[in-house]
Amino acid sequence: RIDGDGSASGGTGLAKFGLVAQNNDDVVIGGGLDVSTAAGATAAIKAIDAAINTVVAKRAAMGAVQNRFTSVISTLQISSENMTASRSRIQDTDFASETAELSRTQILQQAGTAMLAQANQSSQGVMQLLR
């Protein structure tokens, strides 16, 4: 217990606390902090400030990574949209080309049929003249 004037009462065990990192990788403060004396409180404040600075640095690093991920995701989404648009243009172009080729083939077929009909009529006319 710490009184209003900052002095500890009721034993030193109640004036100690500890902070431990969750994954134990970067344990800034291990064990307990003794705030029962002014020197201990000053040391505790410095240790807590160091822990806060570490948390701030880790959050900044995580924020930078998150920003990079966001940027990469945005770039990939734009690339995906561009690829879809390109594929669509290619397919549309191929469809138009094939439709034009079909029309050309049908016209040639009809012209060939008409020429055969003319040739048959001409030969029939010659045959009638010979009779």
C-alpha atoms as a PDB file:
ATOM      1  CA  ARG A   1       0.000   0.000   0.000  1.00  0.00           C
ATOM      2  CA  ILE A   2       1.295   3.473  -0.840  1.00  0.00           C
ATOM      3  CA  ASP A   3       0.113   6.393   1.230  1.00  0.00           C
ATOM      4  CA  GLY A   4      -0.855   9.799  -0.140  1.00  0.00           C
ATOM      5  CA  ASP A   5       2.591  11.215   0.613  1.00  0.00           C
ATOM      6  CA  GLY A   6       4.250   8.452  -1.424  1.00  0.00           C
ATOM      7  CA  SER A   7       5.550   6.429   1.491  1.00  0.00           C
ATOM      8  CA  ALA A   8       4.968   2.701   1.644  1.00  0.00           C
ATOM      9  CA  SER A   9       3.128   1.145   4.500  1.00  0.00           C
ATOM     10  CA  GLY A  10       2.066  -2.378   5.314  1.00  0.00           C
ATOM     11  CA  GLY A  11       5.271  -4.058   4.121  1.00  0.00           C
ATOM     12  CA  THR A  12       7.291  -3.848   0.942  1.00  0.00           C
ATOM     13  CA  GLY A  13       5.519  -6.735  -0.781  1.00  0.00           C
ATOM     14  CA  LEU A  14       2.496  -4.574  -1.569  1.00  0.00           C
ATOM     15  CA  ALA A  15       4.635  -1.832  -3.105  1.00  0.00           C
ATOM     16  CA  LYS A  16       6.154  -4.087  -5.783  1.00  0.00           C
ATOM     17  CA  PHE A  17       4.755  -4.991  -9.156  1.00  0.00           C
ATOM     18  CA  GLY A  18       6.111  -6.461 -12.363  1.00  0.00           C
ATOM     19  CA  LEU A  19       5.571  -6.221 -16.103  1.00  0.00           C
ATOM     20  CA  VAL A  20       6.383  -9.127 -18.403  1.00  0.00           C
ATOM     21  CA  ALA A  21       6.184  -9.259 -22.200  1.00  0.00           C
ATOM     22  CA  GLN A  22       3.612 -11.704 -23.510  1.00  0.00           C
ATOM     23  CA  ASN A  23       5.972 -13.692 -25.749  1.00  0.00           C
ATOM     24  CA  ASN A  24       9.055 -13.211 -23.535  1.00  0.00           C
ATOM     25  CA  ASP A  25      11.086 -12.016 -26.541  1.00  0.00           C
ATOM     26  CA  ASP A  26      11.723  -8.460 -25.484  1.00  0.00           C
ATOM     27  CA  VAL A  27      11.188  -8.389 -21.774  1.00  0.00           C
ATOM     28  CA  VAL A  28      11.770  -4.778 -20.896  1.00  0.00           C
ATOM     29  CA  ILE A  29      10.917  -5.143 -17.254  1.00  0.00           C
ATOM     30  CA  GLY A  30      11.458  -8.486 -15.614  1.00  0.00           C
ATOM     31  CA  GLY A  31      10.677  -9.235 -12.009  1.00  0.00           C
ATOM     32  CA  GLY A  32       9.246  -6.562  -9.785  1.00  0.00           C
ATOM     33  CA  LEU A  33       9.585  -2.841  -9.411  1.00  0.00           C
ATOM     34  CA  ASP A  34      10.114  -1.543  -5.921  1.00  0.00           C
ATOM     35  CA  VAL A  35       8.349   1.785  -5.436  1.00  0.00           C
ATOM     36  CA  SER A  36       8.664   1.803  -1.654  1.00  0.00           C
ATOM     37  CA  THR A  37      11.547   4.301  -1.848  1.00  0.00           C
ATOM     38  CA  ALA A  38      12.092   7.420  -3.915  1.00  0.00           C
ATOM     39  CA  ALA A  39      15.061   5.822  -5.673  1.00  0.00           C
ATOM     40  CA  GLY A  40      13.025   2.705  -6.404  1.00  0.00           C
ATOM     41  CA  ALA A  41      10.129   4.797  -7.704  1.00  0.00           C
ATOM     42  CA  THR A  42      12.501   6.757  -9.945  1.00  0.00           C
ATOM     43  CA  ALA A  43      13.960   3.504 -11.263  1.00  0.00           C
ATOM     44  CA  ALA A  44      10.434   2.158 -11.784  1.00  0.00           C
ATOM     45  CA  ILE A  45       9.433   5.274 -13.731  1.00  0.00           C
ATOM     46  CA  LYS A  46      12.524   4.930 -15.930  1.00  0.00           C
ATOM     47  CA  ALA A  47      11.782   1.253 -16.509  1.00  0.00           C
ATOM     48  CA  ILE A  48       8.137   1.997 -17.334  1.00  0.00           C
ATOM     49  CA  ASP A  49       9.211   4.823 -19.665  1.00  0.00           C
ATOM     50  CA  ALA A  50      11.567   2.389 -21.394  1.00  0.00           C
ATOM     51  CA  ALA A  51       8.711  -0.099 -21.719  1.00  0.00           C
ATOM     52  CA  ILE A  52       6.428   2.592 -23.147  1.00  0.00           C
ATOM     53  CA  ASN A  53       9.128   3.624 -25.631  1.00  0.00           C
ATOM     54  CA  THR A  54       9.535  -0.003 -26.683  1.00  0.00           C
ATOM     55  CA  VAL A  55       5.777  -0.344 -27.162  1.00  0.00           C
ATOM     56  CA  VAL A  56       5.718   2.872 -29.202  1.00  0.00           C
ATOM     57  CA  ALA A  57       8.601   1.630 -31.376  1.00  0.00           C
ATOM     58  CA  LYS A  58       6.922  -1.750 -31.903  1.00  0.00           C
ATOM     59  CA  ARG A  59       3.621  -0.062 -32.786  1.00  0.00           C
ATOM     60  CA  ALA A  60       5.427   2.190 -35.271  1.00  0.00           C
ATOM     61  CA  ALA A  61       7.103  -0.828 -36.856  1.00  0.00           C
ATOM     62  CA  MET A  62       3.769  -2.671 -37.035  1.00  0.00           C
ATOM     63  CA  GLY A  63       2.122   0.414 -38.529  1.00  0.00           C
ATOM     64  CA  ALA A  64       4.828   0.613 -41.193  1.00  0.00           C
ATOM     65  CA  VAL A  65       4.316  -3.054 -42.059  1.00  0.00           C
ATOM     66  CA  GLN A  66       0.551  -2.538 -42.175  1.00  0.00           C
ATOM     67  CA  ASN A  67       0.998   0.446 -44.507  1.00  0.00           C
ATOM     68  CA  ARG A  68       3.201  -1.643 -46.801  1.00  0.00           C
ATOM     69  CA  PHE A  69       0.607  -4.426 -46.832  1.00  0.00           C
ATOM     70  CA  THR A  70      -2.121  -1.902 -47.626  1.00  0.00           C
ATOM     71  CA  SER A  71      -0.044  -0.499 -50.471  1.00  0.00           C
ATOM     72  CA  VAL A  72       0.693  -3.951 -51.892  1.00  0.00           C
ATOM     73  CA  ILE A  73      -2.978  -4.942 -51.638  1.00  0.00           C
ATOM     74  CA  SER A  74      -4.016  -1.771 -53.446  1.00  0.00           C
ATOM     75  CA  THR A  75      -1.434  -2.361 -56.177  1.00  0.00           C
ATOM     76  CA  LEU A  76      -2.550  -5.970 -56.621  1.00  0.00           C
ATOM     77  CA  GLN A  77      -6.209  -4.945 -56.812  1.00  0.00           C
ATOM     78  CA  ILE A  78      -5.402  -2.394 -59.513  1.00  0.00           C
ATOM     79  CA  SER A  79      -3.339  -4.992 -61.406  1.00  0.00           C
ATOM     80  CA  SER A  80      -6.201  -7.471 -61.182  1.00  0.00           C
ATOM     81  CA  GLU A  81      -8.685  -4.912 -62.518  1.00  0.00           C
ATOM     82  CA  ASN A  82      -6.313  -4.022 -65.366  1.00  0.00           C
ATOM     83  CA  MET A  83      -5.828  -7.692 -66.259  1.00  0.00           C
ATOM     84  CA  THR A  84      -9.589  -8.256 -66.274  1.00  0.00           C
ATOM     85  CA  ALA A  85     -10.102  -5.212 -68.500  1.00  0.00           C
ATOM     86  CA  SER A  86      -7.343  -6.356 -70.870  1.00  0.00           C
ATOM     87  CA  ARG A  87      -8.767  -9.869 -71.094  1.00  0.00           C
ATOM     88  CA  SER A  88     -12.207  -8.425 -71.808  1.00  0.00           C
ATOM     89  CA  ARG A  89     -10.840  -6.194 -74.577  1.00  0.00           C
ATOM     90  CA  ILE A  90      -9.001  -9.142 -76.130  1.00  0.00           C
ATOM     91  CA  GLN A  91     -12.089 -11.347 -76.015  1.00  0.00           C
ATOM     92  CA  ASP A  92     -14.262  -8.563 -77.431  1.00  0.00           C
ATOM     93  CA  THR A  93     -11.749  -7.980 -80.216  1.00  0.00           C
ATOM     94  CA  ASP A  94     -11.621 -11.691 -81.034  1.00  0.00           C
ATOM     95  CA  PHE A  95     -15.421 -11.872 -81.087  1.00  0.00           C
ATOM     96  CA  ALA A  96     -15.616  -8.953 -83.513  1.00  0.00           C
ATOM     97  CA  SER A  97     -12.889 -10.462 -85.684  1.00  0.00           C
ATOM     98  CA  GLU A  98     -14.591 -13.846 -85.791  1.00  0.00           C
ATOM     99  CA  THR A  99     -17.955 -12.258 -86.587  1.00  0.00           C
ATOM    100  CA  ALA A 100     -16.394 -10.358 -89.485  1.00  0.00           C
ATOM    101  CA  GLU A 101     -14.701 -13.546 -90.717  1.00  0.00           C
ATOM    102  CA  LEU A 102     -18.042 -15.401 -90.569  1.00  0.00           C
ATOM    103  CA  SER A 103     -19.739 -12.649 -92.588  1.00  0.00           C
ATOM    104  CA  ARG A 104     -16.932 -12.713 -95.175  1.00  0.00           C
ATOM    105  CA  THR A 105     -17.164 -16.495 -95.482  1.00  0.00           C
ATOM    106  CA  GLN A 106     -20.958 -16.380 -95.886  1.00  0.00           C
ATOM    107  CA  ILE A 107     -20.688 -13.704 -98.590  1.00  0.00           C
ATOM    108  CA  LEU A 108     -18.087 -15.764-100.469  1.00  0.00           C
ATOM    109  CA  GLN A 109     -20.258 -18.862-100.175  1.00  0.00           C
ATOM    110  CA  GLN A 110     -23.323 -17.011-101.490  1.00  0.00           C
ATOM    111  CA  ALA A 111     -21.278 -15.522-104.330  1.00  0.00           C
ATOM    112  CA  GLY A 112     -19.981 -18.984-105.237  1.00  0.00           C
ATOM    113  CA  THR A 113     -23.502 -20.384-105.222  1.00  0.00           C
ATOM    114  CA  ALA A 114     -24.693 -17.530-107.447  1.00  0.00           C
ATOM    115  CA  MET A 115     -21.804 -18.129-109.884  1.00  0.00           C
ATOM    116  CA  LEU A 116     -22.648 -21.821-110.093  1.00  0.00           C
ATOM    117  CA  ALA A 117     -26.282 -20.971-110.751  1.00  0.00           C
ATOM    118  CA  GLN A 118     -25.214 -18.599-113.554  1.00  0.00           C
ATOM    119  CA  ALA A 119     -22.896 -21.230-115.001  1.00  0.00           C
ATOM    120  CA  ASN A 120     -25.673 -23.819-114.959  1.00  0.00           C
ATOM    121  CA  GLN A 121     -28.069 -21.419-116.663  1.00  0.00           C
ATOM    122  CA  SER A 122     -25.518 -20.606-119.349  1.00  0.00           C
ATOM    123  CA  SER A 123     -24.885 -24.257-120.132  1.00  0.00           C
ATOM    124  CA  GLN A 124     -28.621 -24.931-120.228  1.00  0.00           C
ATOM    125  CA  GLY A 125     -29.053 -22.020-122.640  1.00  0.00           C
ATOM    126  CA  VAL A 126     -26.373 -23.432-124.931  1.00  0.00           C
ATOM    127  CA  MET A 127     -28.025 -26.850-124.785  1.00  0.00           C
ATOM    128  CA  GLN A 128     -31.367 -25.336-125.763  1.00  0.00           C
ATOM    129  CA  LEU A 129     -29.775 -23.533-128.702  1.00  0.00           C
ATOM    130  CA  LEU A 130     -28.241 -26.762-129.911  1.00  0.00           C
ATOM    131  CA  ARG A 131     -31.565 -28.579-129.911  1.00  0.00           C
END
